[in-house]
N, C-alpha and C. Protein backbone atom coordinates (compact mmCIF):
# COMPACT_ATOMS: atom_id res chain seq x y z
N MET A 1 -5.87 23.28 8.19
CA MET A 1 -7.13 23.95 8.31
C MET A 1 -6.92 25.39 8.77
N GLU A 2 -6.04 25.58 9.72
CA GLU A 2 -5.78 26.93 10.19
C GLU A 2 -4.86 27.64 9.21
N ASN A 3 -4.98 28.95 9.19
CA ASN A 3 -4.01 29.72 8.42
C ASN A 3 -3.58 30.92 9.25
N GLU A 4 -2.51 31.53 8.84
CA GLU A 4 -1.90 32.61 9.62
C GLU A 4 -2.80 33.82 9.77
N GLU A 5 -3.75 33.99 8.86
CA GLU A 5 -4.62 35.17 8.89
C GLU A 5 -5.81 35.00 9.83
N ASP A 6 -6.02 33.81 10.38
CA ASP A 6 -7.14 33.58 11.29
C ASP A 6 -6.93 34.34 12.60
N SER A 7 -8.01 34.91 13.10
CA SER A 7 -7.95 35.52 14.42
C SER A 7 -7.83 34.41 15.46
N ALA A 8 -7.52 34.76 16.68
CA ALA A 8 -7.39 33.76 17.75
C ALA A 8 -8.71 33.01 17.94
N ALA A 9 -9.82 33.74 17.87
CA ALA A 9 -11.13 33.10 18.06
C ALA A 9 -11.43 32.11 16.94
N VAL A 10 -11.12 32.47 15.71
CA VAL A 10 -11.36 31.58 14.57
C VAL A 10 -10.45 30.36 14.66
N ALA A 11 -9.20 30.55 15.01
CA ALA A 11 -8.26 29.43 15.14
C ALA A 11 -8.73 28.48 16.23
N THR A 12 -9.18 29.01 17.36
CA THR A 12 -9.68 28.18 18.45
C THR A 12 -10.92 27.42 18.00
N PHE A 13 -11.82 28.09 17.30
CA PHE A 13 -13.04 27.45 16.79
C PHE A 13 -12.69 26.30 15.84
N LYS A 14 -11.78 26.53 14.91
CA LYS A 14 -11.38 25.50 13.96
C LYS A 14 -10.77 24.29 14.67
N ARG A 15 -9.91 24.55 15.65
CA ARG A 15 -9.31 23.45 16.42
C ARG A 15 -10.38 22.66 17.15
N SER A 16 -11.31 23.36 17.76
CA SER A 16 -12.38 22.72 18.53
C SER A 16 -13.26 21.86 17.64
N VAL A 17 -13.65 22.38 16.50
CA VAL A 17 -14.49 21.62 15.56
C VAL A 17 -13.73 20.40 15.04
N SER A 18 -12.47 20.59 14.69
CA SER A 18 -11.67 19.48 14.19
C SER A 18 -11.54 18.37 15.22
N GLU A 19 -11.25 18.73 16.47
CA GLU A 19 -11.14 17.74 17.53
C GLU A 19 -12.47 17.04 17.77
N SER A 20 -13.56 17.78 17.76
CA SER A 20 -14.88 17.19 17.96
C SER A 20 -15.23 16.20 16.86
N LEU A 21 -14.91 16.56 15.63
CA LEU A 21 -15.19 15.65 14.51
C LEU A 21 -14.35 14.38 14.60
N ARG A 22 -13.09 14.53 14.96
CA ARG A 22 -12.22 13.35 15.11
C ARG A 22 -12.75 12.42 16.19
N GLU A 23 -13.20 12.98 17.30
CA GLU A 23 -13.75 12.16 18.37
C GLU A 23 -15.08 11.53 17.95
N ARG A 24 -15.96 12.33 17.39
CA ARG A 24 -17.30 11.86 17.03
C ARG A 24 -17.25 10.74 15.99
N PHE A 25 -16.38 10.89 15.03
CA PHE A 25 -16.31 9.91 13.95
C PHE A 25 -15.18 8.91 14.14
N ALA A 26 -14.57 8.90 15.32
CA ALA A 26 -13.53 7.94 15.68
C ALA A 26 -12.48 7.80 14.58
N MET A 27 -11.94 8.92 14.16
CA MET A 27 -11.02 8.94 13.03
C MET A 27 -9.72 8.19 13.29
N GLU A 28 -9.42 7.89 14.54
CA GLU A 28 -8.19 7.16 14.85
C GLU A 28 -8.46 5.66 15.05
N SER A 29 -9.70 5.25 14.90
CA SER A 29 -10.09 3.87 15.17
C SER A 29 -9.88 2.96 13.96
N ASP A 30 -9.43 1.73 14.23
CA ASP A 30 -9.31 0.74 13.14
C ASP A 30 -10.67 0.38 12.58
N ASP A 31 -11.72 0.44 13.41
CA ASP A 31 -13.07 0.15 12.92
C ASP A 31 -13.48 1.14 11.83
N THR A 32 -13.07 2.39 12.00
CA THR A 32 -13.40 3.41 11.00
C THR A 32 -12.72 3.10 9.68
N ALA A 33 -11.51 2.57 9.73
CA ALA A 33 -10.77 2.23 8.50
C ALA A 33 -11.48 1.13 7.72
N ARG A 34 -12.31 0.33 8.39
CA ARG A 34 -13.03 -0.75 7.72
C ARG A 34 -14.45 -0.36 7.30
N HIS A 35 -14.85 0.86 7.61
CA HIS A 35 -16.20 1.30 7.28
C HIS A 35 -16.34 1.39 5.75
N PRO A 36 -17.47 0.93 5.21
CA PRO A 36 -17.65 0.94 3.74
C PRO A 36 -17.43 2.31 3.09
N PHE A 37 -17.82 3.40 3.76
CA PHE A 37 -17.62 4.72 3.17
C PHE A 37 -16.14 5.07 3.08
N VAL A 38 -15.35 4.65 4.06
CA VAL A 38 -13.92 4.92 4.03
C VAL A 38 -13.25 4.05 2.98
N VAL A 39 -13.68 2.79 2.88
CA VAL A 39 -13.15 1.90 1.84
C VAL A 39 -13.47 2.48 0.46
N ALA A 40 -14.69 2.95 0.27
CA ALA A 40 -15.06 3.56 -1.02
C ALA A 40 -14.20 4.78 -1.30
N THR A 41 -13.90 5.55 -0.28
CA THR A 41 -13.07 6.74 -0.45
C THR A 41 -11.68 6.37 -0.92
N VAL A 42 -11.09 5.34 -0.30
CA VAL A 42 -9.73 4.96 -0.65
C VAL A 42 -9.67 4.35 -2.05
N LEU A 43 -10.77 3.80 -2.53
CA LEU A 43 -10.80 3.21 -3.87
C LEU A 43 -11.17 4.22 -4.96
N ASP A 44 -11.69 5.38 -4.58
CA ASP A 44 -12.10 6.41 -5.54
C ASP A 44 -10.86 7.20 -5.99
N PRO A 45 -10.51 7.12 -7.27
CA PRO A 45 -9.30 7.82 -7.74
C PRO A 45 -9.30 9.32 -7.48
N ALA A 46 -10.47 9.93 -7.40
CA ALA A 46 -10.54 11.37 -7.21
C ALA A 46 -10.15 11.80 -5.80
N VAL A 47 -10.34 10.93 -4.82
CA VAL A 47 -10.09 11.31 -3.43
C VAL A 47 -9.26 10.30 -2.66
N LYS A 48 -8.65 9.35 -3.36
CA LYS A 48 -7.96 8.26 -2.66
C LYS A 48 -6.76 8.72 -1.84
N ALA A 49 -6.26 9.91 -2.06
CA ALA A 49 -5.15 10.41 -1.26
C ALA A 49 -5.57 10.64 0.19
N MET A 50 -6.86 10.81 0.42
CA MET A 50 -7.43 10.96 1.77
C MET A 50 -6.70 12.04 2.56
N THR A 51 -6.51 13.20 1.98
CA THR A 51 -5.73 14.26 2.61
C THR A 51 -6.36 14.80 3.88
N HIS A 52 -7.66 14.61 4.08
CA HIS A 52 -8.32 15.15 5.27
C HIS A 52 -8.48 14.10 6.37
N PHE A 53 -7.87 12.95 6.19
CA PHE A 53 -7.92 11.88 7.18
C PHE A 53 -6.61 11.86 7.96
N PRO A 54 -6.61 11.29 9.16
CA PRO A 54 -5.34 11.14 9.89
C PRO A 54 -4.36 10.31 9.06
N GLU A 55 -3.09 10.51 9.27
CA GLU A 55 -2.07 9.83 8.46
C GLU A 55 -2.18 8.31 8.51
N SER A 56 -2.61 7.76 9.63
CA SER A 56 -2.69 6.31 9.77
C SER A 56 -3.89 5.70 9.03
N MET A 57 -4.90 6.50 8.72
CA MET A 57 -6.13 5.97 8.14
C MET A 57 -5.95 5.34 6.76
N PRO A 58 -5.28 5.98 5.79
CA PRO A 58 -5.14 5.33 4.48
C PRO A 58 -4.45 3.98 4.56
N ALA A 59 -3.38 3.88 5.33
CA ALA A 59 -2.65 2.60 5.44
C ALA A 59 -3.54 1.53 6.05
N ALA A 60 -4.28 1.87 7.10
CA ALA A 60 -5.17 0.90 7.74
C ALA A 60 -6.28 0.47 6.78
N THR A 61 -6.79 1.40 6.01
CA THR A 61 -7.86 1.08 5.07
C THR A 61 -7.32 0.20 3.93
N TYR A 62 -6.14 0.53 3.42
CA TYR A 62 -5.54 -0.31 2.37
C TYR A 62 -5.29 -1.73 2.87
N ARG A 63 -4.83 -1.85 4.13
CA ARG A 63 -4.64 -3.20 4.70
C ARG A 63 -5.96 -3.96 4.73
N HIS A 64 -7.03 -3.28 5.10
CA HIS A 64 -8.35 -3.93 5.14
C HIS A 64 -8.78 -4.36 3.74
N VAL A 65 -8.60 -3.50 2.75
CA VAL A 65 -8.98 -3.83 1.37
C VAL A 65 -8.16 -5.03 0.89
N ARG A 66 -6.86 -5.04 1.17
CA ARG A 66 -6.02 -6.19 0.77
C ARG A 66 -6.50 -7.47 1.44
N ALA A 67 -6.90 -7.39 2.70
CA ALA A 67 -7.42 -8.58 3.40
C ALA A 67 -8.72 -9.05 2.76
N LEU A 68 -9.58 -8.11 2.35
CA LEU A 68 -10.82 -8.50 1.66
C LEU A 68 -10.51 -9.22 0.35
N VAL A 69 -9.56 -8.70 -0.40
CA VAL A 69 -9.18 -9.32 -1.67
C VAL A 69 -8.57 -10.69 -1.42
N ASP A 70 -7.67 -10.78 -0.45
CA ASP A 70 -7.05 -12.07 -0.14
C ASP A 70 -8.11 -13.10 0.27
N ASN A 71 -9.07 -12.69 1.10
CA ASN A 71 -10.13 -13.60 1.52
C ASN A 71 -11.00 -14.02 0.34
N ALA A 72 -11.25 -13.10 -0.57
CA ALA A 72 -12.05 -13.44 -1.76
C ALA A 72 -11.29 -14.44 -2.63
N GLN A 73 -9.98 -14.25 -2.77
CA GLN A 73 -9.18 -15.18 -3.58
C GLN A 73 -9.12 -16.56 -2.94
N ILE A 74 -8.97 -16.61 -1.63
CA ILE A 74 -8.94 -17.90 -0.92
C ILE A 74 -10.28 -18.59 -1.08
N GLY A 75 -11.36 -17.85 -0.91
CA GLY A 75 -12.69 -18.42 -1.08
C GLY A 75 -12.92 -18.93 -2.48
N ALA A 76 -12.41 -18.21 -3.47
CA ALA A 76 -12.57 -18.63 -4.87
C ALA A 76 -11.77 -19.89 -5.13
N GLN A 77 -10.58 -19.99 -4.57
CA GLN A 77 -9.76 -21.19 -4.74
C GLN A 77 -10.43 -22.40 -4.10
N GLU A 78 -11.02 -22.20 -2.93
CA GLU A 78 -11.69 -23.30 -2.24
C GLU A 78 -12.94 -23.75 -3.00
N ASP A 79 -13.57 -22.82 -3.70
CA ASP A 79 -14.78 -23.14 -4.47
C ASP A 79 -14.46 -23.59 -5.89
N GLY A 80 -13.20 -23.69 -6.22
CA GLY A 80 -12.81 -24.09 -7.58
C GLY A 80 -12.75 -22.94 -8.57
N GLY A 81 -12.63 -21.75 -8.08
CA GLY A 81 -12.52 -20.58 -8.97
C GLY A 81 -13.82 -19.80 -9.02
N PHE A 82 -13.74 -18.62 -9.61
CA PHE A 82 -14.94 -17.80 -9.76
C PHE A 82 -15.84 -18.40 -10.82
N ARG A 83 -17.12 -18.29 -10.58
CA ARG A 83 -18.10 -18.78 -11.58
C ARG A 83 -18.97 -17.62 -12.02
N TRP A 84 -19.03 -17.39 -13.29
CA TRP A 84 -19.87 -16.35 -13.85
C TRP A 84 -21.15 -16.97 -14.33
N HIS A 85 -22.25 -16.40 -13.99
CA HIS A 85 -23.57 -16.92 -14.40
C HIS A 85 -24.13 -16.10 -15.50
């Protein structure tokens, strides 16, 4: 976010806003990785790299998506497979 051409005031402002957003939106929380908007982001091919998220967020979100799929498969097996109506 910062670049070498930023004045000290601009760099401080950017750091402050970034820290506030991380705290406000709990970007380091596992709960955030399970939020539907974050799951949708990781599944969207246009933005799935999640370059503006903390490094741990994509991995945590992918783990959550895999758990959802695994649970759906287990549920389908218990019900005798998927049924299309």
